[in-house]
Amino acid sequence: MVQSRSSPAVRVLLTPMQIPEALPVSNLTFGISESMDVAGTHLLLHPGEPSEMIVQVQNLERRPLRMSLRVEGDFPSSWCQIGTEGSELVPGSKMDAVLYFQIPATFFEEQQAIVAGRTDKLTLNFRCIVSVYIDEDTDTEEIQQQEFGLYIRPYSNYMEFLPVLYREVDYIGRFMKIFEQAFQPAIDSFHVMWANLDPLTSSQALLPFLAHWVGWPIDSIWNLNQQRRLIRRAVELYCWRGTRKGLRLYLHLYTGLPLDEQHISITEPFGQSFILGEAKLGTAVLAGGRPFHFVVCLRPDRPNSIHEELIRQIIEQEKPAYCTYELLIENPQS
């Protein structure tokens, strides 16, 4: 059984965590002081973002009360959840309850707010009633009610660039959101343009354009990660082409081996030169070895992980035309 009384037994105070800067009015006027005065009793909701209404209940009687809260309104019940500190309220004490509101992030996209039977209007303003009940042994008595509005508005960063005078008009905020949705994708793309111009982070479809930009040929024999690394260091490879440093860098980018002498070694073999008093027949070599000759030694961590023919193709491309070379691949013991 539900009863009601004339004299209030509790005092209820509502405190919204997000207050709308302006409330909808019938005509567009600036400086609406009346709307701003009542805006403090309403709650602003943005799709996908949680919002809270604090309900403070104070016991005005001289006896302890066991209370409960109920929330009703013209909105789906799934939007609101109630959190309380307890149900027992001693005389003169206060208790805070929290109404947690959250609407779907796709509220506008799915058009959940379209009025039934009409397709030209969206319901953005809802009515919420908070009822406080005293639970007795046999009866449940309704002792207080508070009403507030729920205002669903799209969040717009562009409102921060407007004077406060324009923020007091509810229509301006929704109007600015139209421009934000139109221009913000282009602004966001500009902010991440650096990622599109970096071969390591750009999409695969942009790699041929970036390779053409630096004059690097795209070859199907390279996998995707190798192509990204080579395109990014192409200008550096051009600068050091024909040198030991350039060849070691190229082999490092292709094989992925560490850039150290233990894994990638390029040496020029020199024997003992003809020195009077020290040279012996059969071992001394005039000029100390083969001219313009070098040895490339690769030591991978995994056996058979290096394509020898491709390595030779790289060396032939990067070495001076008059140089000769030897290639050694020392695979680890399996």
Protein backbone atom coordinates (compact mmCIF):
# COMPACT_ATOMS: atom_id res chain seq x y z
CA MET A 1 0.00 0.00 0.00
CA VAL A 2 1.32 3.48 -0.90
CA GLN A 3 0.41 6.51 1.21
CA SER A 4 1.39 10.18 1.08
CA ARG A 5 1.60 12.95 3.69
CA SER A 6 1.23 16.71 3.59
CA SER A 7 4.21 17.72 5.75
CA PRO A 8 7.60 16.77 4.33
CA ALA A 9 9.67 14.34 6.34
CA VAL A 10 12.84 14.80 4.28
CA ARG A 11 14.55 17.50 2.28
CA VAL A 12 15.78 16.55 -1.19
CA LEU A 13 18.52 18.50 -2.97
CA LEU A 14 19.56 17.77 -6.57
CA THR A 15 23.06 18.60 -7.81
CA PRO A 16 23.85 17.87 -11.48
CA MET A 17 27.45 17.13 -12.45
CA GLN A 18 26.97 18.58 -15.94
CA ILE A 19 24.84 21.68 -16.28
CA PRO A 20 23.55 22.85 -19.68
CA GLU A 21 24.77 26.31 -20.56
CA ALA A 22 21.43 27.12 -22.19
CA LEU A 23 17.93 25.71 -22.28
CA PRO A 24 15.67 25.59 -25.33
CA VAL A 25 13.20 28.47 -25.63
CA SER A 26 10.46 29.28 -28.08
CA ASN A 27 12.30 32.19 -29.70
CA LEU A 28 16.00 32.93 -30.23
CA THR A 29 17.07 35.74 -27.92
CA PHE A 30 20.42 36.58 -26.43
CA GLY A 31 21.16 36.92 -22.75
CA ILE A 32 18.39 34.65 -21.44
CA SER A 33 18.78 35.06 -17.70
CA GLU A 34 15.65 33.02 -16.89
CA SER A 35 17.00 29.96 -18.71
CA MET A 36 20.35 30.25 -17.00
CA ASP A 37 18.67 30.45 -13.59
CA VAL A 38 16.80 27.17 -13.99
CA ALA A 39 19.62 25.40 -15.86
CA GLY A 40 21.18 24.43 -12.53
CA THR A 41 18.35 21.96 -11.84
CA HIS A 42 18.79 20.04 -15.10
CA LEU A 43 21.34 17.54 -16.35
CA LEU A 44 23.26 17.68 -19.62
CA LEU A 45 23.97 14.39 -21.42
CA HIS A 46 26.38 13.70 -24.27
CA PRO A 47 26.03 10.43 -26.23
CA GLY A 48 28.47 7.81 -25.02
CA GLU A 49 29.64 9.86 -22.01
CA PRO A 50 28.51 9.13 -18.43
CA SER A 51 26.87 11.84 -16.36
CA GLU A 52 25.62 11.96 -12.79
CA MET A 53 22.92 13.61 -10.72
CA ILE A 54 23.64 13.75 -6.97
CA VAL A 55 20.52 13.33 -4.82
CA GLN A 56 21.03 14.47 -1.22
CA VAL A 57 18.31 13.39 1.23
CA GLN A 58 18.09 14.84 4.76
CA ASN A 59 15.93 13.37 7.52
CA LEU A 60 13.79 16.12 9.07
CA GLU A 61 12.03 13.91 11.60
CA ARG A 62 13.07 12.76 15.06
CA ARG A 63 12.96 9.11 14.22
CA PRO A 64 15.12 7.02 11.93
CA LEU A 65 13.81 6.43 8.46
CA ARG A 66 14.41 3.58 6.06
CA MET A 67 14.15 5.04 2.59
CA SER A 68 14.39 4.04 -1.05
CA LEU A 69 14.60 5.93 -4.32
CA ARG A 70 12.76 5.40 -7.56
CA VAL A 71 13.37 7.10 -10.89
CA GLU A 72 10.71 7.49 -13.56
CA GLY A 73 10.45 9.47 -16.76
CA ASP A 74 9.78 9.41 -20.48
CA PHE A 75 13.20 7.91 -21.27
CA PRO A 76 14.35 4.25 -21.46
CA SER A 77 15.00 2.79 -18.01
CA SER A 78 18.32 1.37 -19.19
CA TRP A 79 19.77 4.89 -19.30
CA CYS A 80 19.76 5.27 -15.51
CA GLN A 81 21.20 3.32 -12.59
CA ILE A 82 20.83 4.21 -8.88
CA GLY A 83 23.67 4.05 -6.40
CA THR A 84 23.04 4.63 -2.68
CA GLU A 85 25.15 4.63 0.49
CA GLY A 86 22.49 2.69 2.39
CA SER A 87 18.84 2.78 3.29
CA GLU A 88 18.83 3.77 6.99
CA LEU A 89 18.77 7.48 7.79
CA VAL A 90 19.07 8.61 11.43
CA PRO A 91 17.36 11.83 12.62
CA GLY A 92 18.96 14.99 11.22
CA SER A 93 21.49 13.11 9.06
CA LYS A 94 22.02 13.31 5.32
CA MET A 95 22.53 10.63 2.70
CA ASP A 96 23.83 11.01 -0.83
CA ALA A 97 22.56 8.90 -3.68
CA VAL A 98 23.86 9.02 -7.24
CA LEU A 99 21.84 8.66 -10.41
CA TYR A 100 24.18 7.38 -13.12
CA PHE A 101 23.04 8.32 -16.62
CA GLN A 102 24.57 7.13 -19.88
CA ILE A 103 22.99 7.07 -23.32
CA PRO A 104 24.30 5.06 -26.29
CA ALA A 105 27.17 6.57 -28.24
CA THR A 106 25.19 5.96 -31.43
CA PHE A 107 22.13 7.86 -30.18
CA PHE A 108 22.00 10.23 -33.15
CA GLU A 109 23.25 7.78 -35.77
CA GLU A 110 20.62 5.17 -34.95
CA GLN A 111 17.94 7.85 -34.61
CA GLN A 112 16.65 6.39 -31.36
CA ALA A 113 15.18 9.77 -30.44
CA ILE A 114 12.81 10.03 -33.39
CA VAL A 115 9.28 10.64 -32.19
CA ALA A 116 6.97 7.75 -33.00
CA GLY A 117 4.94 8.51 -36.07
CA ARG A 118 7.07 11.51 -37.07
CA THR A 119 10.31 11.64 -39.00
CA ASP A 120 10.95 15.39 -38.93
CA LYS A 121 11.73 15.86 -35.27
CA LEU A 122 14.09 14.38 -32.69
CA THR A 123 13.30 14.18 -28.99
CA LEU A 124 16.31 15.68 -27.22
CA ASN A 125 14.67 16.78 -23.97
CA PHE A 126 13.33 14.31 -21.43
CA ARG A 127 11.60 14.56 -18.07
CA CYS A 128 12.85 12.72 -14.98
CA ILE A 129 11.11 12.34 -11.59
CA VAL A 130 12.94 11.21 -8.45
CA SER A 131 10.63 9.81 -5.77
CA VAL A 132 11.67 9.20 -2.15
CA TYR A 133 9.79 6.47 -0.26
CA ILE A 134 9.73 5.44 3.40
CA ASP A 135 9.62 1.69 3.79
CA GLU A 136 7.60 0.72 6.84
CA ASP A 137 6.87 -2.81 8.01
CA THR A 138 3.65 -3.07 6.04
CA ASP A 139 3.35 0.11 4.01
CA THR A 140 5.43 2.13 1.57
CA GLU A 141 4.86 5.86 1.93
CA GLU A 142 5.82 8.38 -0.74
CA ILE A 143 7.17 11.45 1.03
CA GLN A 144 8.94 13.58 -1.56
CA GLN A 145 9.28 14.08 -5.29
CA GLN A 146 11.74 16.12 -7.33
CA GLU A 147 11.64 16.71 -11.05
CA PHE A 148 14.42 17.70 -13.40
CA GLY A 149 15.11 17.67 -17.12
CA LEU A 150 17.51 15.59 -19.17
CA TYR A 151 18.96 17.47 -22.14
CA ILE A 152 20.78 15.42 -24.77
CA ARG A 153 23.17 17.50 -26.82
CA PRO A 154 26.09 16.57 -29.11
CA TYR A 155 29.44 17.59 -27.69
CA SER A 156 31.12 20.32 -29.75
CA ASN A 157 34.66 21.62 -29.30
CA TYR A 158 33.80 24.60 -31.46
CA MET A 159 31.74 26.15 -28.68
CA GLU A 160 34.97 26.91 -26.82
CA PHE A 161 35.86 29.43 -29.54
CA LEU A 162 32.65 31.43 -29.14
CA PRO A 163 31.97 34.24 -26.66
CA VAL A 164 29.85 33.36 -23.63
CA LEU A 165 27.00 35.44 -25.07
CA TYR A 166 26.47 32.92 -27.90
CA ARG A 167 26.72 29.90 -25.62
CA GLU A 168 23.58 31.04 -23.84
CA VAL A 169 21.53 30.15 -26.93
CA ASP A 170 20.73 26.44 -27.14
CA TYR A 171 20.34 26.49 -30.93
CA ILE A 172 23.91 27.78 -31.44
CA GLY A 173 25.46 24.66 -29.93
CA ARG A 174 23.57 22.31 -32.22
CA PHE A 175 24.22 24.57 -35.19
CA MET A 176 27.99 24.59 -34.56
CA LYS A 177 28.01 20.79 -34.35
CA ILE A 178 27.02 20.68 -38.03
CA PHE A 179 30.19 22.55 -39.01
CA GLU A 180 32.31 20.45 -36.67
CA GLN A 181 31.13 17.20 -38.23
CA ALA A 182 31.84 18.61 -41.69
CA PHE A 183 35.32 20.06 -41.07
CA GLN A 184 36.74 18.05 -38.17
CA PRO A 185 37.63 14.93 -40.24
CA ALA A 186 39.83 17.09 -42.49
CA ILE A 187 41.49 18.67 -39.44
CA ASP A 188 42.10 15.27 -37.85
CA SER A 189 43.62 13.99 -41.10
CA PHE A 190 45.96 16.98 -41.17
CA HIS A 191 47.10 16.28 -37.61
CA VAL A 192 48.13 12.71 -38.52
CA MET A 193 49.52 13.57 -41.95
CA TRP A 194 53.02 12.80 -40.68
CA ALA A 195 52.04 9.14 -40.27
CA ASN A 196 50.96 8.96 -43.92
CA LEU A 197 54.31 10.36 -45.06
CA ASP A 198 56.40 7.93 -43.01
CA PRO A 199 56.95 4.60 -44.82
CA LEU A 200 56.99 2.76 -41.49
CA THR A 201 53.46 3.89 -40.54
CA SER A 202 51.74 4.72 -43.82
CA SER A 203 49.19 2.45 -45.44
CA GLN A 204 50.38 -0.13 -47.96
CA ALA A 205 48.53 1.69 -50.75
CA LEU A 206 50.74 4.78 -50.23
CA LEU A 207 54.06 2.92 -50.44
CA PRO A 208 54.38 3.14 -54.27
CA PHE A 209 53.86 6.90 -54.06
CA LEU A 210 56.47 7.29 -51.31
CA ALA A 211 58.90 5.06 -53.24
CA HIS A 212 58.43 7.16 -56.38
CA TRP A 213 58.97 10.28 -54.27
CA VAL A 214 62.53 9.15 -53.38
CA GLY A 215 63.18 7.31 -56.65
CA TRP A 216 63.23 3.84 -55.10
CA PRO A 217 62.11 0.89 -57.30
CA ILE A 218 59.41 -1.34 -55.85
CA ASP A 219 60.32 -5.01 -56.27
CA SER A 220 58.02 -7.92 -55.44
CA ILE A 221 60.94 -9.92 -54.05
CA TRP A 222 60.94 -7.67 -50.94
CA ASN A 223 58.41 -8.31 -48.23
CA LEU A 224 56.36 -5.45 -46.81
CA ASN A 225 58.58 -4.70 -43.81
CA GLN A 226 61.73 -4.71 -45.97
CA GLN A 227 60.13 -2.31 -48.44
CA ARG A 228 59.17 0.06 -45.63
CA ARG A 229 62.69 0.11 -44.20
CA LEU A 230 64.38 0.53 -47.58
CA ILE A 231 62.11 3.34 -48.75
CA ARG A 232 62.63 5.20 -45.48
CA ARG A 233 66.44 4.98 -45.74
CA ALA A 234 66.63 5.33 -49.54
CA VAL A 235 68.20 8.80 -49.52
CA GLU A 236 70.81 7.68 -47.00
CA LEU A 237 71.62 4.65 -49.17
CA TYR A 238 72.10 6.93 -52.17
CA CYS A 239 74.56 9.07 -50.21
CA TRP A 240 76.71 6.11 -49.20
CA ARG A 241 76.45 4.02 -52.37
CA GLY A 242 79.78 2.43 -53.35
CA THR A 243 81.17 2.51 -49.79
CA ARG A 244 81.51 -0.10 -47.08
CA LYS A 245 79.09 1.81 -44.85
CA GLY A 246 76.42 1.93 -47.55
CA LEU A 247 76.69 -1.79 -48.33
CA ARG A 248 76.51 -2.76 -44.64
CA LEU A 249 73.47 -0.53 -44.16
CA TYR A 250 71.72 -2.08 -47.18
CA LEU A 251 72.43 -5.62 -45.94
CA HIS A 252 71.21 -4.64 -42.48
CA LEU A 253 67.91 -3.29 -43.84
CA TYR A 254 67.34 -6.39 -45.97
CA THR A 255 68.37 -9.14 -43.56
CA GLY A 256 67.33 -7.47 -40.33
CA LEU A 257 70.66 -8.53 -38.76
CA PRO A 258 72.21 -6.19 -36.19
CA LEU A 259 74.51 -3.58 -37.65
CA ASP A 260 77.71 -4.86 -36.03
CA GLU A 261 80.84 -6.70 -37.14
CA GLN A 262 79.72 -9.91 -35.49
CA HIS A 263 76.70 -10.32 -37.80
CA ILE A 264 77.65 -8.29 -40.89
CA SER A 265 81.36 -8.16 -41.67
CA ILE A 266 83.02 -6.60 -44.73
CA THR A 267 86.81 -6.96 -44.83
CA GLU A 268 89.62 -6.51 -47.32
CA PRO A 269 92.09 -9.46 -47.12
CA PHE A 270 95.74 -8.41 -46.94
CA GLY A 271 98.58 -10.92 -46.76
CA GLN A 272 102.11 -10.30 -45.55
CA SER A 273 103.92 -7.91 -47.88
CA PHE A 274 107.49 -8.36 -49.21
CA ILE A 275 109.69 -7.06 -46.36
CA LEU A 276 113.46 -7.46 -46.48
CA GLY A 277 114.72 -9.65 -43.70
CA GLU A 278 111.27 -11.03 -42.84
CA ALA A 279 109.71 -12.30 -46.09
CA LYS A 280 109.94 -15.94 -46.96
CA LEU A 281 109.64 -17.54 -50.35
CA GLY A 282 106.16 -18.95 -50.85
CA THR A 283 104.38 -16.67 -48.34
CA ALA A 284 105.30 -13.10 -49.28
CA VAL A 285 102.92 -11.29 -51.67
CA LEU A 286 103.84 -8.11 -53.46
CA ALA A 287 101.45 -5.21 -52.62
CA GLY A 288 99.91 -7.22 -49.77
CA GLY A 289 96.97 -8.96 -51.50
CA ARG A 290 94.37 -8.72 -54.26
CA PRO A 291 93.59 -5.13 -55.15
CA PHE A 292 89.97 -3.88 -55.01
CA HIS A 293 88.77 -7.12 -53.45
CA PHE A 294 86.63 -7.56 -50.32
CA VAL A 295 84.90 -10.34 -48.40
CA VAL A 296 81.31 -10.14 -47.13
CA CYS A 297 80.53 -12.46 -44.22
CA LEU A 298 77.01 -12.82 -42.82
CA ARG A 299 76.27 -14.70 -39.61
CA PRO A 300 72.47 -15.12 -39.21
CA ASP A 301 70.92 -16.37 -35.99
CA ARG A 302 68.70 -18.87 -37.80
CA PRO A 303 69.94 -21.35 -40.43
CA ASN A 304 68.86 -20.87 -44.06
CA SER A 305 67.17 -17.54 -43.31
CA ILE A 306 69.08 -15.56 -45.96
CA HIS A 307 68.51 -15.67 -49.71
CA GLU A 308 72.04 -15.95 -51.15
CA GLU A 309 71.11 -14.97 -54.71
CA LEU A 310 69.40 -11.82 -53.49
CA ILE A 311 72.42 -10.94 -51.34
CA ARG A 312 74.67 -11.25 -54.39
CA GLN A 313 72.29 -9.05 -56.36
CA ILE A 314 72.52 -6.39 -53.64
CA ILE A 315 76.31 -6.52 -53.56
CA GLU A 316 76.58 -6.28 -57.35
CA GLN A 317 74.30 -3.26 -57.28
CA GLU A 318 76.06 -1.42 -54.47
CA LYS A 319 79.76 -2.16 -55.04
CA PRO A 320 82.01 -0.20 -57.43
CA ALA A 321 82.14 -1.82 -60.87
CA TYR A 322 85.88 -2.53 -60.70
CA CYS A 323 85.71 -4.37 -57.36
CA THR A 324 85.53 -8.11 -56.83
CA TYR A 325 84.14 -9.85 -53.79
CA GLU A 326 83.56 -13.10 -51.97
CA LEU A 327 80.38 -13.96 -50.05
CA LEU A 328 80.39 -16.16 -46.96
CA ILE A 329 77.19 -17.10 -45.08
CA GLU A 330 77.99 -18.81 -41.80
CA ASN A 331 74.78 -20.52 -40.72
CA PRO A 332 74.59 -21.59 -37.08
CA GLN A 333 74.79 -25.27 -36.24
CA SER A 334 71.26 -26.74 -36.06
